[in-house]
Amino acid sequence: MTWHLPQPILTAPTADPALPPGWAAEPKWDGYRAQLARYADGRVLLRTRRGADMTPSFPEIRAAAAQLPGDTGLDGVM
């Protein structure tokens, strides 16, 4: 079985009097929006929502993710 990360979760427009019609927003506290994959074969991938590989930039996260079970995916802000 080939396992892939799903598409990133993006904001959706909602009725909010503080935003123009058709706009969406979510708070971004300092950090990066990223997806993490721990594959069954041991590989770890940390990528931006546009697909850029950030794994080499965060060796401590890569090391921690190696402890996760295989075929684990996480989406969030770090």
N, C-alpha and C. Protein backbone atom coordinates (compact mmCIF):
# COMPACT_ATOMS: atom_id res chain seq x y z
N MET A 1 0.84 -1.17 0.00
CA MET A 1 0.00 0.00 0.00
C MET A 1 0.89 1.24 0.00
N THR A 2 0.57 2.19 -0.85
CA THR A 2 1.27 3.47 -0.86
C THR A 2 0.46 4.47 -0.06
N TRP A 3 1.10 5.14 0.86
CA TRP A 3 0.41 6.07 1.74
C TRP A 3 0.94 7.47 1.47
N HIS A 4 0.04 8.44 1.33
CA HIS A 4 0.42 9.83 1.06
C HIS A 4 -0.29 10.75 2.04
N LEU A 5 0.34 11.87 2.34
CA LEU A 5 -0.34 12.88 3.14
C LEU A 5 -1.52 13.44 2.37
N PRO A 6 -2.62 13.76 3.04
CA PRO A 6 -3.74 14.41 2.36
C PRO A 6 -3.40 15.85 2.05
N GLN A 7 -4.24 16.50 1.29
CA GLN A 7 -4.06 17.93 1.02
C GLN A 7 -4.18 18.70 2.34
N PRO A 8 -3.46 19.81 2.50
CA PRO A 8 -3.55 20.59 3.73
C PRO A 8 -4.96 21.13 3.94
N ILE A 9 -5.30 21.30 5.20
CA ILE A 9 -6.59 21.90 5.54
C ILE A 9 -6.46 23.41 5.37
N LEU A 10 -7.34 23.99 4.60
CA LEU A 10 -7.31 25.43 4.36
C LEU A 10 -8.54 26.08 4.98
N THR A 11 -8.50 27.37 5.15
CA THR A 11 -9.64 28.08 5.71
C THR A 11 -10.79 28.08 4.71
N ALA A 12 -11.98 28.30 5.24
CA ALA A 12 -13.18 28.38 4.40
C ALA A 12 -13.89 29.69 4.70
N PRO A 13 -14.50 30.31 3.67
CA PRO A 13 -15.23 31.56 3.91
C PRO A 13 -16.39 31.35 4.88
N THR A 14 -16.56 32.31 5.77
CA THR A 14 -17.69 32.30 6.71
C THR A 14 -18.23 33.71 6.80
N ALA A 15 -19.47 33.82 7.19
CA ALA A 15 -20.08 35.14 7.37
C ALA A 15 -19.50 35.76 8.65
N ASP A 16 -18.73 36.82 8.50
CA ASP A 16 -18.13 37.51 9.64
C ASP A 16 -18.15 38.99 9.31
N PRO A 17 -18.79 39.79 10.13
CA PRO A 17 -18.87 41.22 9.83
C PRO A 17 -17.52 41.92 9.77
N ALA A 18 -16.47 41.30 10.32
CA ALA A 18 -15.16 41.93 10.30
C ALA A 18 -14.41 41.67 8.99
N LEU A 19 -14.94 40.77 8.14
CA LEU A 19 -14.27 40.42 6.88
C LEU A 19 -15.16 40.76 5.70
N PRO A 20 -14.55 41.15 4.58
CA PRO A 20 -15.34 41.38 3.37
C PRO A 20 -15.97 40.07 2.89
N PRO A 21 -17.09 40.12 2.18
CA PRO A 21 -17.73 38.90 1.67
C PRO A 21 -16.75 38.06 0.84
N GLY A 22 -16.79 36.75 1.04
CA GLY A 22 -15.93 35.84 0.29
C GLY A 22 -14.53 35.67 0.85
N TRP A 23 -14.20 36.38 1.90
CA TRP A 23 -12.87 36.27 2.51
C TRP A 23 -12.90 35.26 3.65
N ALA A 24 -11.75 34.69 3.95
CA ALA A 24 -11.60 33.77 5.07
C ALA A 24 -10.33 34.15 5.82
N ALA A 25 -10.31 33.84 7.08
CA ALA A 25 -9.12 34.15 7.89
C ALA A 25 -9.00 33.14 9.02
N GLU A 26 -7.79 32.95 9.44
CA GLU A 26 -7.53 32.18 10.64
C GLU A 26 -6.34 32.82 11.32
N PRO A 27 -6.30 32.81 12.65
CA PRO A 27 -5.16 33.42 13.32
C PRO A 27 -3.89 32.62 13.03
N LYS A 28 -2.81 33.32 12.82
CA LYS A 28 -1.51 32.66 12.66
C LYS A 28 -0.59 33.21 13.74
N TRP A 29 -0.41 32.41 14.74
CA TRP A 29 0.51 32.78 15.79
C TRP A 29 1.89 32.46 15.24
N ASP A 30 2.90 33.10 15.74
CA ASP A 30 4.26 32.87 15.21
C ASP A 30 4.51 31.38 15.02
N GLY A 31 5.05 31.03 13.88
CA GLY A 31 5.37 29.64 13.59
C GLY A 31 5.12 29.31 12.14
N TYR A 32 5.14 28.02 11.84
CA TYR A 32 4.97 27.53 10.48
C TYR A 32 3.79 26.58 10.42
N ARG A 33 3.01 26.67 9.36
CA ARG A 33 1.97 25.68 9.10
C ARG A 33 2.65 24.55 8.35
N ALA A 34 2.51 23.31 8.83
CA ALA A 34 3.22 22.20 8.21
C ALA A 34 2.44 20.90 8.37
N GLN A 35 2.79 19.94 7.53
CA GLN A 35 2.30 18.58 7.64
C GLN A 35 3.50 17.67 7.88
N LEU A 36 3.30 16.69 8.74
CA LEU A 36 4.36 15.75 9.05
C LEU A 36 3.87 14.35 8.70
N ALA A 37 4.71 13.58 8.05
CA ALA A 37 4.40 12.18 7.75
C ALA A 37 5.50 11.29 8.30
N ARG A 38 5.11 10.23 8.97
CA ARG A 38 6.03 9.18 9.41
C ARG A 38 5.56 7.93 8.67
N TYR A 39 6.32 7.53 7.66
CA TYR A 39 5.95 6.41 6.82
C TYR A 39 6.32 5.08 7.48
N ALA A 40 5.68 4.01 7.05
CA ALA A 40 5.94 2.68 7.61
C ALA A 40 7.38 2.24 7.40
N ASP A 41 8.02 2.72 6.33
CA ASP A 41 9.41 2.33 6.07
C ASP A 41 10.42 3.15 6.88
N GLY A 42 9.92 4.03 7.77
CA GLY A 42 10.80 4.81 8.64
C GLY A 42 11.09 6.22 8.17
N ARG A 43 10.75 6.55 6.92
CA ARG A 43 11.01 7.92 6.43
C ARG A 43 10.13 8.91 7.18
N VAL A 44 10.67 10.11 7.36
CA VAL A 44 9.92 11.22 7.96
C VAL A 44 9.96 12.38 6.98
N LEU A 45 8.81 12.99 6.74
CA LEU A 45 8.71 14.14 5.84
C LEU A 45 7.95 15.25 6.55
N LEU A 46 8.54 16.43 6.56
CA LEU A 46 7.91 17.62 7.09
C LEU A 46 7.81 18.60 5.93
N ARG A 47 6.60 18.98 5.55
CA ARG A 47 6.44 19.83 4.37
C ARG A 47 5.50 21.00 4.64
N THR A 48 5.72 22.06 3.86
CA THR A 48 4.83 23.22 3.92
C THR A 48 3.53 22.88 3.20
N ARG A 49 2.53 23.74 3.33
CA ARG A 49 1.27 23.46 2.65
C ARG A 49 1.42 23.54 1.14
N ARG A 50 2.47 24.17 0.67
CA ARG A 50 2.72 24.22 -0.78
C ARG A 50 3.61 23.07 -1.25
N GLY A 51 4.01 22.22 -0.32
CA GLY A 51 4.75 21.02 -0.68
C GLY A 51 6.26 21.09 -0.54
N ALA A 52 6.81 22.22 -0.10
CA ALA A 52 8.27 22.33 0.07
C ALA A 52 8.72 21.46 1.25
N ASP A 53 9.81 20.74 1.07
CA ASP A 53 10.37 19.87 2.10
C ASP A 53 11.11 20.70 3.14
N MET A 54 10.62 20.70 4.38
CA MET A 54 11.26 21.44 5.48
C MET A 54 12.01 20.50 6.42
N THR A 55 12.04 19.22 6.12
CA THR A 55 12.62 18.23 7.04
C THR A 55 14.06 18.57 7.44
N PRO A 56 14.94 18.93 6.49
CA PRO A 56 16.32 19.22 6.90
C PRO A 56 16.46 20.42 7.84
N SER A 57 15.49 21.32 7.82
CA SER A 57 15.57 22.52 8.66
C SER A 57 15.19 22.26 10.11
N PHE A 58 14.57 21.12 10.40
CA PHE A 58 14.09 20.84 11.75
C PHE A 58 14.51 19.43 12.19
N PRO A 59 15.82 19.21 12.41
CA PRO A 59 16.29 17.87 12.78
C PRO A 59 15.69 17.36 14.09
N GLU A 60 15.37 18.26 15.01
CA GLU A 60 14.80 17.82 16.29
C GLU A 60 13.39 17.28 16.11
N ILE A 61 12.64 17.87 15.19
CA ILE A 61 11.29 17.36 14.90
C ILE A 61 11.39 16.03 14.16
N ARG A 62 12.34 15.95 13.24
CA ARG A 62 12.54 14.68 12.52
C ARG A 62 12.87 13.56 13.50
N ALA A 63 13.74 13.82 14.44
CA ALA A 63 14.12 12.80 15.43
C ALA A 63 12.92 12.40 16.29
N ALA A 64 12.13 13.36 16.72
CA ALA A 64 10.95 13.06 17.53
C ALA A 64 9.92 12.29 16.72
N ALA A 65 9.73 12.67 15.47
CA ALA A 65 8.73 12.00 14.61
C ALA A 65 9.12 10.56 14.33
N ALA A 66 10.40 10.25 14.36
CA ALA A 66 10.86 8.88 14.13
C ALA A 66 10.33 7.93 15.20
N GLN A 67 9.89 8.47 16.33
CA GLN A 67 9.34 7.65 17.42
C GLN A 67 7.86 7.34 17.22
N LEU A 68 7.21 8.00 16.26
CA LEU A 68 5.78 7.78 16.00
C LEU A 68 5.57 6.46 15.29
N PRO A 69 4.37 5.88 15.40
CA PRO A 69 4.08 4.67 14.63
C PRO A 69 4.13 4.96 13.13
N GLY A 70 4.41 3.93 12.34
CA GLY A 70 4.41 4.09 10.90
C GLY A 70 3.04 4.51 10.38
N ASP A 71 3.02 5.15 9.24
CA ASP A 71 1.80 5.65 8.61
C ASP A 71 1.02 6.61 9.50
N THR A 72 1.77 7.54 10.13
CA THR A 72 1.17 8.60 10.93
C THR A 72 1.28 9.90 10.18
N GLY A 73 0.20 10.68 10.16
CA GLY A 73 0.21 12.00 9.54
C GLY A 73 -0.31 13.04 10.51
N LEU A 74 0.35 14.17 10.58
CA LEU A 74 -0.06 15.27 11.44
C LEU A 74 -0.12 16.56 10.62
N ASP A 75 -1.07 17.41 10.92
CA ASP A 75 -1.23 18.69 10.23
C ASP A 75 -1.39 19.75 11.32
N GLY A 76 -0.56 20.77 11.30
CA GLY A 76 -0.69 21.78 12.34
C GLY A 76 0.33 22.90 12.22
N VAL A 77 0.41 23.69 13.27
CA VAL A 77 1.33 24.83 13.34
C VAL A 77 2.40 24.47 14.34
N MET A 78 3.64 24.74 13.94
CA MET A 78 4.74 24.45 14.86
C MET A 78 5.52 25.70 15.13
